[in-house]
């Protein structure tokens, strides 16, 4: 069975259009096991009962930004090993370095093409 048939991904972004674009791209890659949510606290709650292999999160969100979500994931017993990709419109060096210190697996700068998203995911989990 191909990795794309087994992998479970959660998309976290406060903008419904961004969530839609990412989930559409994942669907085009053949990834069907995708959950999405609009904020970090909801994502954490969902991941407690429905674990995933990879979280793709926006950086700039209200209440809890992408790096705060990453920190919570890395300190949670059930979520510390989940893959994490940060998507940001401002790939500022300080944000990326902080993300790496927290255990971010990869990042992608907005706007991006679906092929860029696929390469970013494959760098973390392997060939889809």
Protein backbone atom coordinates (compact mmCIF):
# COMPACT_ATOMS: atom_id res chain seq x y z
CA UNK A 1 0.00 0.00 0.00
CA UNK A 2 1.37 3.42 -0.96
CA UNK A 3 2.26 5.97 1.71
CA UNK A 4 -0.36 8.37 0.32
CA UNK A 5 -3.05 5.74 1.12
CA UNK A 6 -1.96 5.40 4.76
CA UNK A 7 -0.80 8.86 5.85
CA UNK A 8 -3.10 10.96 8.03
CA UNK A 9 -2.68 14.75 7.82
CA UNK A 10 -4.22 17.66 9.68
CA UNK A 11 -4.34 21.12 8.09
CA UNK A 12 -4.58 24.04 10.54
CA UNK A 13 -5.28 27.49 9.08
CA UNK A 14 -7.66 30.26 10.14
CA UNK A 15 -8.36 31.17 6.48
CA UNK A 16 -10.88 28.81 4.88
CA UNK A 17 -9.51 29.54 1.39
CA UNK A 18 -5.99 28.51 2.45
CA UNK A 19 -7.32 25.34 4.11
CA UNK A 20 -9.24 24.60 0.92
CA UNK A 21 -6.22 25.09 -1.35
CA UNK A 22 -4.05 22.84 0.79
CA UNK A 23 -6.67 20.09 1.11
CA UNK A 24 -7.36 20.27 -2.65
CA UNK A 25 -3.65 19.84 -3.37
CA UNK A 26 -3.45 16.89 -0.95
CA UNK A 27 -6.45 15.32 -2.67
CA UNK A 28 -4.73 15.79 -6.05
CA UNK A 29 -1.70 13.90 -4.66
CA UNK A 30 -4.05 11.04 -3.73
CA UNK A 31 -4.06 11.75 0.01
CA UNK A 32 -7.57 11.11 1.27
CA UNK A 33 -7.07 10.96 5.04
CA UNK A 34 -7.12 14.70 5.74
CA UNK A 35 -8.67 16.59 8.64
CA UNK A 36 -8.71 20.35 8.91
CA UNK A 37 -9.43 22.96 11.53
CA UNK A 38 -9.29 26.73 11.82
CA UNK A 39 -7.25 27.11 15.01
CA UNK A 40 -4.56 25.60 17.22
CA UNK A 41 -6.65 24.87 20.35
CA UNK A 42 -9.18 22.88 18.30
CA UNK A 43 -6.36 21.05 16.52
CA UNK A 44 -4.82 20.02 19.85
CA UNK A 45 -8.15 18.78 21.17
CA UNK A 46 -8.81 16.77 17.99
CA UNK A 47 -5.29 15.29 17.92
CA UNK A 48 -5.75 13.90 21.44
CA UNK A 49 -8.40 11.50 20.15
CA UNK A 50 -7.57 11.30 16.43
CA UNK A 51 -3.79 11.25 15.95
CA UNK A 52 -2.18 12.09 12.60
CA UNK A 53 1.27 11.57 11.06
CA UNK A 54 1.69 15.16 9.89
CA UNK A 55 0.37 18.61 10.80
CA UNK A 56 0.51 21.37 8.18
CA UNK A 57 -0.06 24.65 9.97
CA UNK A 58 -0.25 28.31 9.07
CA UNK A 59 1.99 30.56 11.14
CA UNK A 60 -0.20 33.64 11.56
CA UNK A 61 -3.39 32.67 13.40
CA UNK A 62 -5.32 34.31 16.26
CA UNK A 63 -5.21 32.84 19.79
CA UNK A 64 -2.33 30.46 19.05
CA UNK A 65 0.16 30.92 16.20
CA UNK A 66 1.74 28.02 14.34
CA UNK A 67 4.88 27.97 16.51
CA UNK A 68 2.83 27.97 19.72
CA UNK A 69 0.90 25.01 18.29
CA UNK A 70 4.20 23.28 17.46
CA UNK A 71 5.46 23.85 21.02
CA UNK A 72 2.26 22.34 22.48
CA UNK A 73 2.55 19.36 20.11
CA UNK A 74 6.19 18.73 21.06
CA UNK A 75 5.41 18.85 24.79
CA UNK A 76 2.38 16.54 24.56
CA UNK A 77 2.95 12.86 25.28
CA UNK A 78 0.66 11.71 22.44
CA UNK A 79 1.75 14.34 19.90
CA UNK A 80 5.49 14.85 20.42
CA UNK A 81 6.45 12.68 17.42
CA UNK A 82 4.03 14.12 14.85
CA UNK A 83 5.60 15.65 11.73
CA UNK A 84 5.15 19.41 11.46
CA UNK A 85 5.27 21.74 8.46
CA UNK A 86 4.84 25.48 8.97
CA UNK A 87 3.33 27.54 6.16
CA UNK A 88 3.97 31.25 6.33
CA UNK A 89 3.68 34.37 4.23
CA UNK A 90 6.71 35.84 5.96
CA UNK A 91 9.48 33.26 6.09
CA UNK A 92 11.46 35.55 8.37
CA UNK A 93 14.77 34.03 9.53
CA UNK A 94 13.91 34.43 13.24
CA UNK A 95 10.58 32.58 12.79
CA UNK A 96 12.24 29.71 10.89
CA UNK A 97 15.10 29.41 13.41
CA UNK A 98 12.66 29.43 16.32
CA UNK A 99 10.58 26.78 14.55
CA UNK A 100 13.63 24.58 14.03
CA UNK A 101 14.55 24.88 17.73
CA UNK A 102 11.02 23.75 18.61
CA UNK A 103 11.29 20.73 16.31
CA UNK A 104 9.67 21.93 13.08
CA UNK A 105 10.34 19.39 10.30
CA UNK A 106 9.96 21.74 7.33
CA UNK A 107 8.42 25.01 6.19
CA UNK A 108 6.88 26.47 3.06
CA UNK A 109 6.54 30.10 2.07
CA UNK A 110 3.23 31.43 0.74
CA UNK A 111 2.27 31.65 -2.05
CA UNK A 112 3.30 28.20 -3.22
CA UNK A 113 2.54 25.77 -6.03
CA UNK A 114 1.14 22.28 -5.33
CA UNK A 115 4.44 20.72 -6.51
CA UNK A 116 6.25 22.77 -3.82
CA UNK A 117 3.85 21.47 -1.17
CA UNK A 118 4.40 17.89 -2.37
CA UNK A 119 8.20 18.28 -2.25
CA UNK A 120 7.94 19.82 1.23
CA UNK A 121 5.80 16.90 2.50
CA UNK A 122 8.01 14.28 0.85
CA UNK A 123 11.11 15.80 2.52
CA UNK A 124 9.43 14.98 5.86
CA UNK A 125 7.60 11.68 5.31
CA UNK A 126 9.12 10.16 2.17
CA UNK A 127 7.83 9.62 -1.35
CA UNK A 128 4.03 9.80 -1.65
